[in-house]
Amino acid sequence: MKAERLKKYLETHLSQIEFERSNKAMQFMVAIADKYQLDAEDARLSGLLHNVSRFMNGKQMAEYLQTREARLMKRLPKNYWHSDYLMGPASAWFAFEELDMRSEAVFSGIREHTYLFKNPSILAKCLYLSTVLVRIERDDQRAAVIARLCFLGRADEAIKALNQREIRSLDKTKIRRIARITNPKIV
């Protein structure tokens, strides 16, 4: 019931593309919840709400997080104060404060899924993988490898494989892998 109410909220507050990505992430999270002994409702809600703060730009997210995540904002270089990096913490706090999402597991999973924090929960790791899979083209070989590892219950291997495959190509662009910046031992 809660998921249906939140879906209606997201449908009116997110763009169609972002709303579809939330739905796909939610479906993937539900599909793998049993494999990782995750609570199905926590998996559903974290997939659905992972980008609820997408209506904010990077500057607004940074301002929003200044008091809520003071330690993070002091540690994170200002050139990383944009939505790709701050989406997780901003969405977690927005879901907690504005949508009354009081599940600690959902809050932590959403907050940690962009890998700005060391030792993310298994929910956060699965959410990270689901959001990556939602964005990768279906015919991309990486998607098949990552999905296979994920469905085999090997999330850490999937994340490592993803990072190893992408670091070389990402280093040639302006994009940087968050996990590499904040937790270099993951690679």
N, C-alpha and C. Protein backbone atom coordinates (compact mmCIF):
# COMPACT_ATOMS: atom_id res chain seq x y z
N MET A 1 0.83 -1.19 0.00
CA MET A 1 0.00 0.00 0.00
C MET A 1 0.87 1.26 0.00
N LYS A 2 1.90 1.27 0.84
CA LYS A 2 2.80 2.42 0.92
C LYS A 2 3.49 2.65 -0.42
N ALA A 3 3.91 1.57 -1.07
CA ALA A 3 4.59 1.69 -2.36
C ALA A 3 3.67 2.31 -3.41
N GLU A 4 2.41 1.96 -3.42
CA GLU A 4 1.47 2.52 -4.39
C GLU A 4 1.27 4.03 -4.17
N ARG A 5 1.18 4.41 -2.91
CA ARG A 5 1.03 5.84 -2.58
C ARG A 5 2.28 6.62 -3.01
N LEU A 6 3.45 6.03 -2.77
CA LEU A 6 4.70 6.69 -3.16
C LEU A 6 4.86 6.74 -4.67
N LYS A 7 4.40 5.70 -5.36
CA LYS A 7 4.46 5.70 -6.82
C LYS A 7 3.67 6.87 -7.40
N LYS A 8 2.50 7.11 -6.85
CA LYS A 8 1.68 8.22 -7.31
C LYS A 8 2.38 9.56 -7.06
N TYR A 9 3.02 9.67 -5.90
CA TYR A 9 3.77 10.89 -5.59
C TYR A 9 4.90 11.09 -6.61
N LEU A 10 5.66 10.04 -6.86
CA LEU A 10 6.80 10.14 -7.79
C LEU A 10 6.35 10.44 -9.21
N GLU A 11 5.23 9.87 -9.60
CA GLU A 11 4.71 10.08 -10.95
C GLU A 11 4.41 11.56 -11.20
N THR A 12 3.99 12.26 -10.17
CA THR A 12 3.67 13.68 -10.33
C THR A 12 4.87 14.59 -10.07
N HIS A 13 5.93 14.08 -9.42
CA HIS A 13 7.05 14.94 -9.05
C HIS A 13 8.35 14.67 -9.82
N LEU A 14 8.41 13.57 -10.55
CA LEU A 14 9.61 13.26 -11.34
C LEU A 14 9.27 13.31 -12.82
N SER A 15 10.30 13.48 -13.63
CA SER A 15 10.08 13.39 -15.08
C SER A 15 9.68 11.95 -15.42
N GLN A 16 9.12 11.77 -16.59
CA GLN A 16 8.70 10.43 -17.01
C GLN A 16 9.88 9.47 -17.04
N ILE A 17 11.02 9.92 -17.53
CA ILE A 17 12.21 9.07 -17.60
C ILE A 17 12.66 8.65 -16.21
N GLU A 18 12.73 9.59 -15.29
CA GLU A 18 13.17 9.27 -13.93
C GLU A 18 12.16 8.38 -13.22
N PHE A 19 10.89 8.61 -13.47
CA PHE A 19 9.86 7.76 -12.88
C PHE A 19 10.00 6.32 -13.39
N GLU A 20 10.23 6.15 -14.69
CA GLU A 20 10.42 4.82 -15.26
C GLU A 20 11.66 4.15 -14.69
N ARG A 21 12.74 4.91 -14.51
CA ARG A 21 13.95 4.34 -13.92
C ARG A 21 13.70 3.88 -12.48
N SER A 22 12.93 4.65 -11.74
CA SER A 22 12.59 4.26 -10.37
C SER A 22 11.80 2.95 -10.37
N ASN A 23 10.85 2.84 -11.27
CA ASN A 23 10.05 1.61 -11.38
C ASN A 23 10.92 0.41 -11.74
N LYS A 24 11.83 0.60 -12.69
CA LYS A 24 12.70 -0.49 -13.10
C LYS A 24 13.65 -0.90 -11.98
N ALA A 25 14.19 0.08 -11.27
CA ALA A 25 15.06 -0.22 -10.13
C ALA A 25 14.27 -0.98 -9.06
N MET A 26 13.05 -0.56 -8.83
CA MET A 26 12.20 -1.23 -7.85
C MET A 26 11.96 -2.69 -8.27
N GLN A 27 11.66 -2.92 -9.53
CA GLN A 27 11.40 -4.28 -10.02
C GLN A 27 12.64 -5.16 -9.87
N PHE A 28 13.80 -4.61 -10.18
CA PHE A 28 15.04 -5.37 -10.05
C PHE A 28 15.30 -5.70 -8.58
N MET A 29 15.09 -4.73 -7.71
CA MET A 29 15.32 -4.95 -6.27
C MET A 29 14.39 -6.04 -5.74
N VAL A 30 13.15 -6.03 -6.17
CA VAL A 30 12.20 -7.06 -5.74
C VAL A 30 12.66 -8.43 -6.25
N ALA A 31 13.16 -8.47 -7.48
CA ALA A 31 13.59 -9.73 -8.08
C ALA A 31 14.77 -10.35 -7.35
N ILE A 32 15.66 -9.54 -6.79
CA ILE A 32 16.85 -10.09 -6.13
C ILE A 32 16.75 -10.10 -4.61
N ALA A 33 15.69 -9.60 -4.05
CA ALA A 33 15.57 -9.49 -2.59
C ALA A 33 15.80 -10.83 -1.88
N ASP A 34 15.18 -11.89 -2.36
CA ASP A 34 15.34 -13.20 -1.72
C ASP A 34 16.77 -13.70 -1.78
N LYS A 35 17.43 -13.42 -2.89
CA LYS A 35 18.81 -13.90 -3.07
C LYS A 35 19.74 -13.35 -1.99
N TYR A 36 19.46 -12.16 -1.49
CA TYR A 36 20.32 -11.50 -0.50
C TYR A 36 19.66 -11.40 0.88
N GLN A 37 18.59 -12.15 1.07
CA GLN A 37 17.84 -12.15 2.33
C GLN A 37 17.42 -10.73 2.73
N LEU A 38 17.00 -9.94 1.75
CA LEU A 38 16.52 -8.59 2.00
C LEU A 38 15.01 -8.64 2.24
N ASP A 39 14.54 -7.76 3.07
CA ASP A 39 13.10 -7.60 3.25
C ASP A 39 12.53 -7.09 1.93
N ALA A 40 11.53 -7.77 1.42
CA ALA A 40 10.97 -7.43 0.11
C ALA A 40 10.43 -6.00 0.07
N GLU A 41 9.79 -5.57 1.15
CA GLU A 41 9.23 -4.21 1.17
C GLU A 41 10.36 -3.16 1.23
N ASP A 42 11.41 -3.44 1.99
CA ASP A 42 12.56 -2.52 2.02
C ASP A 42 13.20 -2.43 0.65
N ALA A 43 13.35 -3.56 -0.02
CA ALA A 43 13.93 -3.57 -1.37
C ALA A 43 13.06 -2.78 -2.33
N ARG A 44 11.75 -2.99 -2.27
CA ARG A 44 10.80 -2.29 -3.14
C ARG A 44 10.89 -0.78 -2.91
N LEU A 45 10.83 -0.37 -1.66
CA LEU A 45 10.82 1.06 -1.35
C LEU A 45 12.16 1.73 -1.67
N SER A 46 13.26 1.06 -1.42
CA SER A 46 14.55 1.67 -1.74
C SER A 46 14.72 1.84 -3.24
N GLY A 47 14.29 0.85 -4.02
CA GLY A 47 14.35 0.99 -5.48
C GLY A 47 13.48 2.12 -5.98
N LEU A 48 12.33 2.24 -5.40
CA LEU A 48 11.37 3.27 -5.81
C LEU A 48 11.84 4.67 -5.44
N LEU A 49 12.44 4.83 -4.27
CA LEU A 49 12.76 6.17 -3.75
C LEU A 49 14.22 6.60 -3.94
N HIS A 50 15.03 5.79 -4.58
CA HIS A 50 16.45 6.11 -4.65
C HIS A 50 16.77 7.45 -5.33
N ASN A 51 15.88 7.94 -6.17
CA ASN A 51 16.14 9.21 -6.85
C ASN A 51 15.02 10.23 -6.62
N VAL A 52 14.37 10.15 -5.46
CA VAL A 52 13.24 11.04 -5.16
C VAL A 52 13.65 12.52 -5.11
N SER A 53 14.92 12.79 -4.88
CA SER A 53 15.37 14.18 -4.83
C SER A 53 15.86 14.68 -6.19
N ARG A 54 15.56 13.97 -7.25
CA ARG A 54 16.02 14.33 -8.60
C ARG A 54 15.54 15.71 -9.04
N PHE A 55 14.49 16.23 -8.43
CA PHE A 55 13.99 17.56 -8.79
C PHE A 55 14.98 18.66 -8.38
N MET A 56 15.91 18.35 -7.48
CA MET A 56 16.93 19.32 -7.05
C MET A 56 18.13 19.25 -7.99
N ASN A 57 18.80 20.38 -8.17
CA ASN A 57 20.06 20.35 -8.89
C ASN A 57 21.19 20.16 -7.87
N GLY A 58 22.41 20.03 -8.33
CA GLY A 58 23.54 19.77 -7.45
C GLY A 58 23.72 20.82 -6.37
N LYS A 59 23.55 22.07 -6.73
CA LYS A 59 23.72 23.16 -5.75
C LYS A 59 22.64 23.06 -4.66
N GLN A 60 21.41 22.80 -5.07
CA GLN A 60 20.32 22.67 -4.09
C GLN A 60 20.55 21.46 -3.18
N MET A 61 21.04 20.37 -3.76
CA MET A 61 21.33 19.19 -2.94
C MET A 61 22.43 19.49 -1.92
N ALA A 62 23.47 20.19 -2.37
CA ALA A 62 24.57 20.54 -1.45
C ALA A 62 24.05 21.41 -0.30
N GLU A 63 23.22 22.39 -0.61
CA GLU A 63 22.65 23.25 0.43
C GLU A 63 21.76 22.43 1.37
N TYR A 64 20.97 21.55 0.81
CA TYR A 64 20.05 20.70 1.58
C TYR A 64 20.83 19.80 2.54
N LEU A 65 21.99 19.33 2.10
CA LEU A 65 22.78 18.38 2.90
C LEU A 65 23.75 19.05 3.87
N GLN A 66 23.95 20.35 3.78
CA GLN A 66 24.92 21.03 4.64
C GLN A 66 24.70 20.74 6.12
N THR A 67 23.46 20.79 6.58
CA THR A 67 23.20 20.54 8.00
C THR A 67 22.90 19.06 8.27
N ARG A 68 22.41 18.36 7.28
CA ARG A 68 22.03 16.96 7.47
C ARG A 68 23.22 16.01 7.37
N GLU A 69 24.17 16.34 6.54
CA GLU A 69 25.37 15.51 6.31
C GLU A 69 26.62 16.38 6.39
N ALA A 70 26.81 17.07 7.50
CA ALA A 70 27.91 18.02 7.65
C ALA A 70 29.28 17.35 7.45
N ARG A 71 29.48 16.16 8.03
CA ARG A 71 30.78 15.48 7.88
C ARG A 71 31.06 15.11 6.43
N LEU A 72 30.05 14.61 5.74
CA LEU A 72 30.20 14.26 4.33
C LEU A 72 30.55 15.49 3.51
N MET A 73 29.83 16.56 3.72
CA MET A 73 30.02 17.76 2.91
C MET A 73 31.39 18.39 3.16
N LYS A 74 31.94 18.24 4.36
CA LYS A 74 33.29 18.74 4.63
C LYS A 74 34.33 17.88 3.93
N ARG A 75 34.09 16.59 3.87
CA ARG A 75 35.04 15.64 3.29
C ARG A 75 35.01 15.63 1.76
N LEU A 76 33.84 15.85 1.18
CA LEU A 76 33.67 15.74 -0.26
C LEU A 76 34.17 17.01 -0.96
N PRO A 77 35.11 16.89 -1.90
CA PRO A 77 35.58 18.07 -2.63
C PRO A 77 34.43 18.78 -3.35
N LYS A 78 34.49 20.09 -3.41
CA LYS A 78 33.39 20.87 -3.99
C LYS A 78 33.11 20.52 -5.45
N ASN A 79 34.11 20.07 -6.18
CA ASN A 79 33.84 19.71 -7.58
C ASN A 79 33.00 18.44 -7.69
N TYR A 80 32.72 17.78 -6.57
CA TYR A 80 31.82 16.63 -6.57
C TYR A 80 30.47 16.96 -5.95
N TRP A 81 30.20 18.22 -5.76
CA TRP A 81 28.92 18.64 -5.22
C TRP A 81 27.91 18.77 -6.36
N HIS A 82 27.59 17.67 -6.99
CA HIS A 82 26.54 17.68 -8.01
C HIS A 82 25.66 16.46 -7.83
N SER A 83 24.58 16.43 -8.54
CA SER A 83 23.52 15.46 -8.28
C SER A 83 23.95 14.01 -8.40
N ASP A 84 24.90 13.68 -9.29
CA ASP A 84 25.31 12.29 -9.44
C ASP A 84 25.87 11.73 -8.13
N TYR A 85 26.56 12.55 -7.40
CA TYR A 85 27.18 12.11 -6.16
C TYR A 85 26.27 12.28 -4.95
N LEU A 86 25.51 13.35 -4.93
CA LEU A 86 24.71 13.68 -3.76
C LEU A 86 23.30 13.09 -3.78
N MET A 87 22.94 12.42 -4.87
CA MET A 87 21.59 11.87 -5.01
C MET A 87 21.21 10.93 -3.87
N GLY A 88 22.11 10.04 -3.50
CA GLY A 88 21.80 9.07 -2.45
C GLY A 88 21.46 9.73 -1.12
N PRO A 89 22.38 10.51 -0.55
CA PRO A 89 22.07 11.15 0.73
C PRO A 89 20.88 12.10 0.65
N ALA A 90 20.77 12.87 -0.42
CA ALA A 90 19.65 13.81 -0.54
C ALA A 90 18.32 13.07 -0.63
N SER A 91 18.27 12.00 -1.40
CA SER A 91 17.03 11.23 -1.52
C SER A 91 16.66 10.55 -0.21
N ALA A 92 17.66 10.04 0.50
CA ALA A 92 17.38 9.39 1.79
C ALA A 92 16.78 10.38 2.78
N TRP A 93 17.38 11.55 2.89
CA TRP A 93 16.87 12.56 3.82
C TRP A 93 15.51 13.08 3.38
N PHE A 94 15.32 13.28 2.09
CA PHE A 94 14.03 13.76 1.60
C PHE A 94 12.94 12.72 1.90
N ALA A 95 13.23 11.46 1.63
CA ALA A 95 12.24 10.40 1.90
C ALA A 95 11.92 10.33 3.39
N PHE A 96 12.93 10.50 4.22
CA PHE A 96 12.74 10.45 5.67
C PHE A 96 11.91 11.64 6.17
N GLU A 97 12.29 12.82 5.75
CA GLU A 97 11.66 14.04 6.29
C GLU A 97 10.33 14.38 5.62
N GLU A 98 10.28 14.28 4.32
CA GLU A 98 9.10 14.75 3.59
C GLU A 98 8.07 13.66 3.31
N LEU A 99 8.54 12.42 3.15
CA LEU A 99 7.62 11.33 2.81
C LEU A 99 7.40 10.38 3.98
N ASP A 100 7.97 10.72 5.13
CA ASP A 100 7.79 9.96 6.36
C ASP A 100 8.22 8.50 6.22
N MET A 101 9.31 8.27 5.49
CA MET A 101 9.86 6.93 5.30
C MET A 101 10.77 6.65 6.50
N ARG A 102 10.28 5.88 7.45
CA ARG A 102 10.97 5.69 8.73
C ARG A 102 11.74 4.38 8.84
N SER A 103 11.91 3.66 7.77
CA SER A 103 12.68 2.42 7.82
C SER A 103 14.17 2.74 7.81
N GLU A 104 14.87 2.27 8.83
CA GLU A 104 16.31 2.51 8.91
C GLU A 104 17.05 1.83 7.76
N ALA A 105 16.61 0.63 7.39
CA ALA A 105 17.24 -0.10 6.30
C ALA A 105 17.08 0.65 4.97
N VAL A 106 15.89 1.16 4.71
CA VAL A 106 15.64 1.91 3.47
C VAL A 106 16.46 3.20 3.48
N PHE A 107 16.46 3.92 4.58
CA PHE A 107 17.23 5.15 4.69
C PHE A 107 18.71 4.87 4.40
N SER A 108 19.29 3.88 5.08
CA SER A 108 20.71 3.56 4.88
C SER A 108 20.99 3.09 3.47
N GLY A 109 20.12 2.25 2.93
CA GLY A 109 20.33 1.74 1.58
C GLY A 109 20.35 2.85 0.54
N ILE A 110 19.40 3.76 0.64
CA ILE A 110 19.35 4.88 -0.31
C ILE A 110 20.54 5.81 -0.08
N ARG A 111 20.81 6.12 1.16
CA ARG A 111 21.90 7.05 1.51
C ARG A 111 23.25 6.54 1.01
N GLU A 112 23.48 5.24 1.14
CA GLU A 112 24.79 4.67 0.83
C GLU A 112 24.95 4.19 -0.61
N HIS A 113 23.89 4.16 -1.40
CA HIS A 113 23.98 3.50 -2.70
C HIS A 113 24.86 4.22 -3.71
N THR A 114 25.21 5.48 -3.48
CA THR A 114 26.11 6.16 -4.41
C THR A 114 27.57 6.05 -3.97
N TYR A 115 27.82 5.19 -2.98
CA TYR A 115 29.17 4.88 -2.51
C TYR A 115 29.95 6.09 -2.01
N LEU A 116 29.28 6.98 -1.32
CA LEU A 116 29.98 8.07 -0.65
C LEU A 116 30.38 7.68 0.76
N PHE A 117 29.95 6.51 1.19
CA PHE A 117 30.24 6.02 2.54
C PHE A 117 30.89 4.65 2.43
N LYS A 118 31.86 4.41 3.29
CA LYS A 118 32.53 3.11 3.30
C LYS A 118 31.61 2.05 3.87
N ASN A 119 31.84 0.83 3.46
CA ASN A 119 31.11 -0.34 3.95
C ASN A 119 29.59 -0.20 3.81
N PRO A 120 29.11 0.01 2.60
CA PRO A 120 27.65 0.11 2.42
C PRO A 120 26.96 -1.21 2.74
N SER A 121 25.72 -1.13 3.11
CA SER A 121 24.92 -2.32 3.41
C SER A 121 24.68 -3.12 2.14
N ILE A 122 24.25 -4.36 2.30
CA ILE A 122 23.94 -5.18 1.12
C ILE A 122 22.77 -4.59 0.35
N LEU A 123 21.84 -3.96 1.04
CA LEU A 123 20.73 -3.28 0.36
C LEU A 123 21.28 -2.17 -0.53
N ALA A 124 22.23 -1.40 -0.02
CA ALA A 124 22.84 -0.31 -0.80
C ALA A 124 23.60 -0.85 -2.01
N LYS A 125 24.33 -1.94 -1.82
CA LYS A 125 25.07 -2.54 -2.93
C LYS A 125 24.11 -3.01 -4.03
N CYS A 126 23.04 -3.68 -3.62
CA CYS A 126 22.06 -4.15 -4.60
C CYS A 126 21.38 -2.98 -5.30
N LEU A 127 21.10 -1.92 -4.56
CA LEU A 127 20.48 -0.74 -5.15
C LEU A 127 21.42 -0.09 -6.15
N TYR A 128 22.69 -0.01 -5.81
CA TYR A 128 23.70 0.53 -6.73
C TYR A 128 23.71 -0.27 -8.03
N LEU A 129 23.75 -1.59 -7.90
CA LEU A 129 23.77 -2.43 -9.10
C LEU A 129 22.49 -2.29 -9.91
N SER A 130 21.36 -2.19 -9.22
CA SER A 130 20.10 -2.07 -9.96
C SER A 130 20.04 -0.74 -10.72
N THR A 131 20.55 0.33 -10.11
CA THR A 131 20.52 1.62 -10.81
C THR A 131 21.49 1.63 -11.99
N VAL A 132 22.61 0.94 -11.86
CA VAL A 132 23.54 0.83 -12.99
C VAL A 132 22.89 0.03 -14.11
N LEU A 133 22.26 -1.09 -13.76
CA LEU A 133 21.63 -1.93 -14.79
C LEU A 133 20.49 -1.23 -15.49
N VAL A 134 19.78 -0.36 -14.78
CA VAL A 134 18.69 0.39 -15.39
C VAL A 134 19.22 1.35 -16.44
N ARG A 135 20.42 1.87 -16.23
CA ARG A 135 20.98 2.86 -17.15
C ARG A 135 21.78 2.26 -18.30
N ILE A 136 22.29 1.05 -18.14
CA ILE A 136 23.09 0.41 -19.20
C ILE A 136 22.14 -0.13 -20.27
N GLU A 137 22.54 0.02 -21.50
CA GLU A 137 21.75 -0.51 -22.61
C GLU A 137 21.64 -2.03 -22.50
N ARG A 138 20.52 -2.57 -22.87
CA ARG A 138 20.29 -4.01 -22.72
C ARG A 138 21.25 -4.87 -23.52
N ASP A 139 21.71 -4.37 -24.67
CA ASP A 139 22.61 -5.17 -25.48
C ASP A 139 24.07 -5.02 -25.07
N ASP A 140 24.34 -4.24 -24.04
CA ASP A 140 25.69 -4.06 -23.53
C ASP A 140 26.11 -5.33 -22.79
N GLN A 141 27.26 -5.88 -23.11
CA GLN A 141 27.73 -7.11 -22.49
C GLN A 141 27.91 -6.96 -20.98
N ARG A 142 28.25 -5.77 -20.54
CA ARG A 142 28.44 -5.55 -19.09
C ARG A 142 27.15 -5.84 -18.33
N ALA A 143 26.02 -5.48 -18.93
CA ALA A 143 24.74 -5.70 -18.26
C ALA A 143 24.52 -7.18 -17.98
N ALA A 144 24.84 -8.02 -18.95
CA ALA A 144 24.65 -9.46 -18.77
C ALA A 144 25.56 -10.00 -17.67
N VAL A 145 26.80 -9.58 -17.65
CA VAL A 145 27.76 -10.04 -16.65
C VAL A 145 27.32 -9.58 -15.26
N ILE A 146 26.98 -8.32 -15.14
CA ILE A 146 26.58 -7.77 -13.84
C ILE A 146 25.29 -8.43 -13.36
N ALA A 147 24.32 -8.56 -14.23
CA ALA A 147 23.04 -9.17 -13.84
C ALA A 147 23.25 -10.63 -13.42
N ARG A 148 24.06 -11.36 -14.17
CA ARG A 148 24.30 -12.76 -13.83
C ARG A 148 24.93 -12.89 -12.44
N LEU A 149 25.96 -12.11 -12.18
CA LEU A 149 26.61 -12.14 -10.87
C LEU A 149 25.64 -11.73 -9.77
N CYS A 150 24.85 -10.73 -10.06
CA CYS A 150 23.89 -10.24 -9.08
C CYS A 150 22.86 -11.30 -8.74
N PHE A 151 22.32 -11.98 -9.75
CA PHE A 151 21.32 -13.01 -9.51
C PHE A 151 21.92 -14.29 -8.92
N LEU A 152 23.23 -14.42 -9.00
CA LEU A 152 23.90 -15.55 -8.35
C LEU A 152 24.21 -15.26 -6.88
N GLY A 153 23.87 -14.05 -6.43
CA GLY A 153 24.13 -13.69 -5.04
C GLY A 153 25.55 -13.20 -4.81
N ARG A 154 26.19 -12.71 -5.86
CA ARG A 154 27.59 -12.27 -5.77
C ARG A 154 27.71 -10.78 -6.08
N ALA A 155 27.04 -9.97 -5.27
CA ALA A 155 27.00 -8.52 -5.48
C ALA A 155 28.38 -7.89 -5.44
N ASP A 156 29.22 -8.31 -4.51
CA ASP A 156 30.57 -7.73 -4.41
C ASP A 156 31.37 -7.99 -5.68
N GLU A 157 31.26 -9.19 -6.22
CA GLU A 157 31.95 -9.51 -7.47
C GLU A 157 31.40 -8.68 -8.62
N ALA A 158 30.09 -8.48 -8.64
CA ALA A 158 29.46 -7.67 -9.70
C ALA A 158 29.96 -6.22 -9.64
N ILE A 159 30.05 -5.68 -8.43
CA ILE A 159 30.54 -4.31 -8.27
C ILE A 159 31.99 -4.21 -8.69
N LYS A 160 32.79 -5.17 -8.28
CA LYS A 160 34.20 -5.18 -8.67
C LYS A 160 34.35 -5.30 -10.18
N ALA A 161 33.57 -6.18 -10.80
CA ALA A 161 33.61 -6.34 -12.26
C ALA A 161 33.19 -5.06 -12.96
N LEU A 162 32.16 -4.43 -12.46
CA LEU A 162 31.70 -3.17 -13.04
C LEU A 162 32.79 -2.12 -12.96
N ASN A 163 33.39 -1.95 -11.80
CA ASN A 163 34.43 -0.94 -11.63
C ASN A 163 35.64 -1.24 -12.50
N GLN A 164 36.08 -2.49 -12.56
CA GLN A 164 37.24 -2.82 -13.37
C GLN A 164 36.99 -2.56 -14.84
N ARG A 165 35.80 -2.86 -15.31
CA ARG A 165 35.48 -2.65 -16.73
C ARG A 165 35.35 -1.17 -17.06
N GLU A 166 34.86 -0.38 -16.13
CA GLU A 166 34.56 1.01 -16.45
C GLU A 166 35.67 2.00 -16.12
N ILE A 167 36.56 1.67 -15.23
CA ILE A 167 37.55 2.66 -14.80
C ILE A 167 38.37 3.19 -15.96
N ARG A 168 38.83 2.31 -16.82
CA ARG A 168 39.64 2.78 -17.95
C ARG A 168 38.86 3.74 -18.84
N SER A 169 37.62 3.40 -19.17
CA SER A 169 36.84 4.27 -20.05
C SER A 169 36.38 5.53 -19.33
N LEU A 170 36.06 5.41 -18.04
CA LEU A 170 35.62 6.59 -17.30
C LEU A 170 36.75 7.57 -17.07
N ASP A 171 37.96 7.06 -16.91
CA ASP A 171 39.10 7.95 -16.71
C ASP A 171 39.36 8.82 -17.93
N LYS A 172 38.90 8.39 -19.09
CA LYS A 172 39.09 9.16 -20.31
C LYS A 172 38.03 10.24 -20.48
N THR A 173 37.03 10.23 -19.62
CA THR A 173 35.96 11.22 -19.69
C THR A 173 36.01 12.07 -18.41
N LYS A 174 35.06 12.98 -18.28
CA LYS A 174 34.98 13.81 -17.08
C LYS A 174 34.27 13.07 -15.94
N ILE A 175 33.72 11.91 -16.24
CA ILE A 175 33.00 11.14 -15.24
C ILE A 175 34.01 10.38 -14.39
N ARG A 176 33.74 10.27 -13.11
CA ARG A 176 34.58 9.50 -12.22
C ARG A 176 33.71 8.53 -11.44
N ARG A 177 34.21 7.36 -11.21
CA ARG A 177 33.49 6.37 -10.42
C ARG A 177 33.54 6.78 -8.96
N ILE A 178 32.39 6.96 -8.37
CA ILE A 178 32.31 7.41 -6.98
C ILE A 178 33.06 6.46 -6.06
N ALA A 179 32.89 5.18 -6.25
CA ALA A 179 33.55 4.21 -5.38
C ALA A 179 35.06 4.37 -5.41
N ARG A 180 35.60 4.73 -6.53
CA ARG A 180 37.05 4.87 -6.65
C ARG A 180 37.53 6.11 -5.89
N ILE A 181 36.75 7.16 -5.94
CA ILE A 181 37.13 8.41 -5.28
C ILE A 181 37.06 8.26 -3.77
N THR A 182 35.99 7.70 -3.28
CA THR A 182 35.76 7.69 -1.85
C THR A 182 36.20 6.42 -1.17
N ASN A 183 36.39 5.36 -1.92
CA ASN A 183 36.76 4.09 -1.33
C ASN A 183 37.64 3.33 -2.32
N PRO A 184 38.89 3.76 -2.52
CA PRO A 184 39.73 3.20 -3.58
C PRO A 184 40.00 1.71 -3.43
N LYS A 185 39.83 1.14 -2.24
CA LYS A 185 40.11 -0.29 -2.05
C LYS A 185 39.06 -1.18 -2.72
N ILE A 186 37.97 -0.60 -3.19
CA ILE A 186 36.91 -1.40 -3.78
C ILE A 186 37.35 -1.98 -5.13
N VAL A 187 38.29 -1.34 -5.78
CA VAL A 187 38.71 -1.79 -7.10
C VAL A 187 39.79 -2.85 -7.00
